[in-house]
Amino acid sequence: MLQQAAQDVAHEMFLFQVACQDLKLRINYQMWYVLARNLMDFFDTLPNERDKDAVLAGDFFHPPGTWHALRETIVRPGDYEDYRIAAHKRAAHLTYARAEFRRPGAVAFDPSPTISQHLQELARLFLTSLTETQQGWFRASGFPLPWKAA
């Protein structure tokens, strides 16, 4: 199952890189929120907090907490949790709370270069921390992934 999931994870990582390239395009702007949300959930969700069908970064490590210890070696931006909420509200589904981000004077939480860089650094750490066999699964996806620091 992990090998099959690697294709989907690689696709999300690749599309996030594409979205970050030109956020002036409205489609990339919206895509940024959807993909940032997906990657945040993938990288940050603890096994005991999971939806039973969710693929998590920790699933690729034994024990799963190994990933969370690695993840903590990268300093999280101070506004990361605010962006997590914004991504959930602006991309996940239509809600009344979503309109609050358009209210005059509200903090819009436009796509952030800092959050983008952080998520791409987590992707790089994740990929380079996998076993060689697992890395092969991601390489087989054919997507150009962040194997090296930008």
C-alpha atoms as a PDB file:
ATOM      1  CA  MET A   1       0.000   0.000   0.000  1.00  0.00           C
ATOM      2  CA  LEU A   2       2.852   2.410   0.769  1.00  0.00           C
ATOM      3  CA  GLN A   3       4.390   1.837  -2.636  1.00  0.00           C
ATOM      4  CA  GLN A   4       1.081   2.684  -4.305  1.00  0.00           C
ATOM      5  CA  ALA A   5       0.609   5.739  -2.086  1.00  0.00           C
ATOM      6  CA  ALA A   6       4.089   7.010  -3.024  1.00  0.00           C
ATOM      7  CA  GLN A   7       2.790   7.883  -6.510  1.00  0.00           C
ATOM      8  CA  ASP A   8       0.068  10.115  -5.062  1.00  0.00           C
ATOM      9  CA  VAL A   9       2.376  11.756  -2.522  1.00  0.00           C
ATOM     10  CA  ALA A  10       4.946  12.447  -5.253  1.00  0.00           C
ATOM     11  CA  HIS A  11       2.205  13.990  -7.404  1.00  0.00           C
ATOM     12  CA  GLU A  12       1.136  16.342  -4.576  1.00  0.00           C
ATOM     13  CA  MET A  13       4.748  17.402  -3.930  1.00  0.00           C
ATOM     14  CA  PHE A  14       5.310  18.070  -7.626  1.00  0.00           C
ATOM     15  CA  LEU A  15       2.088  20.049  -8.073  1.00  0.00           C
ATOM     16  CA  PHE A  16       2.912  22.150  -4.999  1.00  0.00           C
ATOM     17  CA  GLN A  17       6.237  23.101  -6.593  1.00  0.00           C
ATOM     18  CA  VAL A  18       4.368  24.069  -9.777  1.00  0.00           C
ATOM     19  CA  ALA A  19       1.821  26.138  -7.847  1.00  0.00           C
ATOM     20  CA  CYS A  20       4.600  28.042  -6.060  1.00  0.00           C
ATOM     21  CA  GLN A  21       6.220  29.110  -9.338  1.00  0.00           C
ATOM     22  CA  ASP A  22       3.634  31.694 -10.411  1.00  0.00           C
ATOM     23  CA  LEU A  23       1.059  32.646  -7.797  1.00  0.00           C
ATOM     24  CA  LYS A  24      -0.210  35.515  -9.961  1.00  0.00           C
ATOM     25  CA  LEU A  25      -2.134  32.891 -11.923  1.00  0.00           C
ATOM     26  CA  ARG A  26      -5.468  32.450 -10.151  1.00  0.00           C
ATOM     27  CA  ILE A  27      -5.431  28.676 -10.650  1.00  0.00           C
ATOM     28  CA  ASN A  28      -2.010  28.402  -8.972  1.00  0.00           C
ATOM     29  CA  TYR A  29      -3.185  30.690  -6.176  1.00  0.00           C
ATOM     30  CA  GLN A  30      -6.112  28.385  -5.388  1.00  0.00           C
ATOM     31  CA  MET A  31      -4.060  25.254  -5.980  1.00  0.00           C
ATOM     32  CA  TRP A  32      -1.521  26.496  -3.419  1.00  0.00           C
ATOM     33  CA  TYR A  33      -4.109  26.302  -0.621  1.00  0.00           C
ATOM     34  CA  VAL A  34      -5.365  22.843  -1.560  1.00  0.00           C
ATOM     35  CA  LEU A  35      -1.876  21.392  -1.869  1.00  0.00           C
ATOM     36  CA  ALA A  36      -0.496  23.196   1.190  1.00  0.00           C
ATOM     37  CA  ARG A  37      -3.390  21.755   3.194  1.00  0.00           C
ATOM     38  CA  ASN A  38      -2.748  18.253   1.863  1.00  0.00           C
ATOM     39  CA  LEU A  39       0.982  18.442   2.588  1.00  0.00           C
ATOM     40  CA  MET A  40       0.470  19.926   6.052  1.00  0.00           C
ATOM     41  CA  ASP A  41      -1.884  17.075   6.900  1.00  0.00           C
ATOM     42  CA  PHE A  42       0.530  14.523   5.411  1.00  0.00           C
ATOM     43  CA  PHE A  43       3.596  15.828   7.259  1.00  0.00           C
ATOM     44  CA  ASP A  44       2.008  16.830  10.563  1.00  0.00           C
ATOM     45  CA  THR A  45      -0.775  14.392  11.438  1.00  0.00           C
ATOM     46  CA  LEU A  46       0.121  12.029  14.244  1.00  0.00           C
ATOM     47  CA  PRO A  47      -0.913   8.385  13.825  1.00  0.00           C
ATOM     48  CA  ASN A  48      -3.376   8.536  16.731  1.00  0.00           C
ATOM     49  CA  GLU A  49      -5.153  11.559  15.161  1.00  0.00           C
ATOM     50  CA  ARG A  50      -5.578  10.063  11.697  1.00  0.00           C
ATOM     51  CA  ASP A  51      -8.519   9.345   9.510  1.00  0.00           C
ATOM     52  CA  LYS A  52      -8.219   5.591   8.952  1.00  0.00           C
ATOM     53  CA  ASP A  53      -7.712   6.039   5.187  1.00  0.00           C
ATOM     54  CA  ALA A  54      -5.260   8.961   5.365  1.00  0.00           C
ATOM     55  CA  VAL A  55      -1.710   8.479   4.101  1.00  0.00           C
ATOM     56  CA  LEU A  56       0.750  10.045   6.540  1.00  0.00           C
ATOM     57  CA  ALA A  57       4.478  10.709   6.319  1.00  0.00           C
ATOM     58  CA  GLY A  58       4.931   8.682   9.507  1.00  0.00           C
ATOM     59  CA  ASP A  59       3.549   5.601   7.723  1.00  0.00           C
ATOM     60  CA  PHE A  60       6.810   5.370   5.798  1.00  0.00           C
ATOM     61  CA  PHE A  61       8.906   5.096   8.985  1.00  0.00           C
ATOM     62  CA  HIS A  62       9.204   2.473  11.708  1.00  0.00           C
ATOM     63  CA  PRO A  63       8.199   3.458  14.255  1.00  0.00           C
ATOM     64  CA  PRO A  64       6.004   6.232  12.796  1.00  0.00           C
ATOM     65  CA  GLY A  65       7.213   8.662  15.463  1.00  0.00           C
ATOM     66  CA  THR A  66      10.627   8.593  13.775  1.00  0.00           C
ATOM     67  CA  TRP A  67       9.277  10.970  11.128  1.00  0.00           C
ATOM     68  CA  HIS A  68       7.905  13.370  13.722  1.00  0.00           C
ATOM     69  CA  ALA A  69      11.295  13.564  15.438  1.00  0.00           C
ATOM     70  CA  LEU A  70      12.943  14.309  12.075  1.00  0.00           C
ATOM     71  CA  ARG A  71      10.289  16.885  11.214  1.00  0.00           C
ATOM     72  CA  GLU A  72      10.993  18.770  14.434  1.00  0.00           C
ATOM     73  CA  THR A  73      14.594  19.410  13.288  1.00  0.00           C
ATOM     74  CA  ILE A  74      13.234  22.014  10.862  1.00  0.00           C
ATOM     75  CA  VAL A  75      12.051  25.202  12.528  1.00  0.00           C
ATOM     76  CA  ARG A  76       8.385  25.828  11.841  1.00  0.00           C
ATOM     77  CA  PRO A  77       7.499  29.381  10.753  1.00  0.00           C
ATOM     78  CA  GLY A  78       5.738  31.361  13.478  1.00  0.00           C
ATOM     79  CA  ASP A  79       2.551  31.772  11.446  1.00  0.00           C
ATOM     80  CA  TYR A  80       2.394  28.119  10.334  1.00  0.00           C
ATOM     81  CA  GLU A  81      -0.696  27.256  12.413  1.00  0.00           C
ATOM     82  CA  ASP A  82      -2.497  30.361  11.141  1.00  0.00           C
ATOM     83  CA  TYR A  83      -1.769  29.223   7.593  1.00  0.00           C
ATOM     84  CA  ARG A  84      -2.997  25.720   8.418  1.00  0.00           C
ATOM     85  CA  ILE A  85      -6.360  27.204   9.474  1.00  0.00           C
ATOM     86  CA  ALA A  86      -6.448  29.490   6.432  1.00  0.00           C
ATOM     87  CA  ALA A  87      -5.662  26.594   4.080  1.00  0.00           C
ATOM     88  CA  HIS A  88      -8.454  24.513   5.598  1.00  0.00           C
ATOM     89  CA  LYS A  89     -10.946  27.360   5.297  1.00  0.00           C
ATOM     90  CA  ARG A  90      -9.889  28.704   1.904  1.00  0.00           C
ATOM     91  CA  ALA A  91      -9.466  25.424   0.058  1.00  0.00           C
ATOM     92  CA  ALA A  92     -11.022  22.460   1.777  1.00  0.00           C
ATOM     93  CA  HIS A  93     -14.692  23.191   1.400  1.00  0.00           C
ATOM     94  CA  LEU A  94     -17.212  25.993   1.205  1.00  0.00           C
ATOM     95  CA  THR A  95     -17.870  27.401   4.644  1.00  0.00           C
ATOM     96  CA  TYR A  96     -19.248  30.637   6.087  1.00  0.00           C
ATOM     97  CA  ALA A  97     -15.948  31.179   7.910  1.00  0.00           C
ATOM     98  CA  ARG A  98     -14.155  31.310   4.575  1.00  0.00           C
ATOM     99  CA  ALA A  99     -15.681  34.728   3.874  1.00  0.00           C
ATOM    100  CA  GLU A 100     -13.914  36.115   6.949  1.00  0.00           C
ATOM    101  CA  PHE A 101     -10.640  36.058   4.978  1.00  0.00           C
ATOM    102  CA  ARG A 102     -12.127  38.565   2.501  1.00  0.00           C
ATOM    103  CA  ARG A 103     -13.480  40.925   5.166  1.00  0.00           C
ATOM    104  CA  PRO A 104     -11.922  44.437   4.984  1.00  0.00           C
ATOM    105  CA  GLY A 105      -9.019  44.636   7.384  1.00  0.00           C
ATOM    106  CA  ALA A 106      -8.795  40.868   7.770  1.00  0.00           C
ATOM    107  CA  VAL A 107      -5.495  39.065   7.382  1.00  0.00           C
ATOM    108  CA  ALA A 108      -5.910  37.294   4.052  1.00  0.00           C
ATOM    109  CA  PHE A 109      -3.092  34.764   4.494  1.00  0.00           C
ATOM    110  CA  ASP A 110      -2.133  34.962   0.842  1.00  0.00           C
ATOM    111  CA  PRO A 111       0.192  32.144  -0.253  1.00  0.00           C
ATOM    112  CA  SER A 112       3.385  32.580   1.682  1.00  0.00           C
ATOM    113  CA  PRO A 113       6.910  32.142   0.327  1.00  0.00           C
ATOM    114  CA  THR A 114       8.001  31.210   3.868  1.00  0.00           C
ATOM    115  CA  ILE A 115       5.352  28.503   4.232  1.00  0.00           C
ATOM    116  CA  SER A 116       6.092  27.321   0.690  1.00  0.00           C
ATOM    117  CA  GLN A 117       9.788  27.011   1.470  1.00  0.00           C
ATOM    118  CA  HIS A 118       9.049  25.224   4.753  1.00  0.00           C
ATOM    119  CA  LEU A 119       6.792  22.642   3.095  1.00  0.00           C
ATOM    120  CA  GLN A 120       9.329  22.042   0.328  1.00  0.00           C
ATOM    121  CA  GLU A 121      12.079  21.602   2.912  1.00  0.00           C
ATOM    122  CA  LEU A 122       9.883  19.079   4.752  1.00  0.00           C
ATOM    123  CA  ALA A 123       9.378  17.274   1.435  1.00  0.00           C
ATOM    124  CA  ARG A 124      13.139  17.167   0.873  1.00  0.00           C
ATOM    125  CA  LEU A 125      13.772  15.892   4.403  1.00  0.00           C
ATOM    126  CA  PHE A 126      11.049  13.282   4.007  1.00  0.00           C
ATOM    127  CA  LEU A 127      12.389  12.028   0.670  1.00  0.00           C
ATOM    128  CA  THR A 128      16.025  11.875   1.743  1.00  0.00           C
ATOM    129  CA  SER A 129      15.153  10.127   5.031  1.00  0.00           C
ATOM    130  CA  LEU A 130      13.379   7.209   3.335  1.00  0.00           C
ATOM    131  CA  THR A 131      15.042   3.858   2.787  1.00  0.00           C
ATOM    132  CA  GLU A 132      16.614   3.347  -0.641  1.00  0.00           C
ATOM    133  CA  THR A 133      13.758   1.041  -1.631  1.00  0.00           C
ATOM    134  CA  GLN A 134      11.192   3.683  -0.689  1.00  0.00           C
ATOM    135  CA  GLN A 135      13.167   6.394  -2.484  1.00  0.00           C
ATOM    136  CA  GLY A 136      12.949   4.179  -5.559  1.00  0.00           C
ATOM    137  CA  TRP A 137       9.152   4.250  -5.326  1.00  0.00           C
ATOM    138  CA  PHE A 138       9.219   8.057  -5.426  1.00  0.00           C
ATOM    139  CA  ARG A 139      11.796   8.191  -8.222  1.00  0.00           C
ATOM    140  CA  ALA A 140       9.647   5.760 -10.240  1.00  0.00           C
ATOM    141  CA  SER A 141       6.813   8.322 -10.165  1.00  0.00           C
ATOM    142  CA  GLY A 142       8.704  10.299 -12.796  1.00  0.00           C
ATOM    143  CA  PHE A 143       7.939  13.618 -11.096  1.00  0.00           C
ATOM    144  CA  PRO A 144      10.831  16.022 -10.482  1.00  0.00           C
ATOM    145  CA  LEU A 145      10.869  16.141  -6.691  1.00  0.00           C
ATOM    146  CA  PRO A 146      12.844  18.294  -4.221  1.00  0.00           C
ATOM    147  CA  TRP A 147      15.650  15.799  -3.518  1.00  0.00           C
ATOM    148  CA  LYS A 148      18.089  18.668  -2.919  1.00  0.00           C
ATOM    149  CA  ALA A 149      17.729  21.987  -1.142  1.00  0.00           C
ATOM    150  CA  ALA A 150      16.646  24.797  -3.449  1.00  0.00           C
END
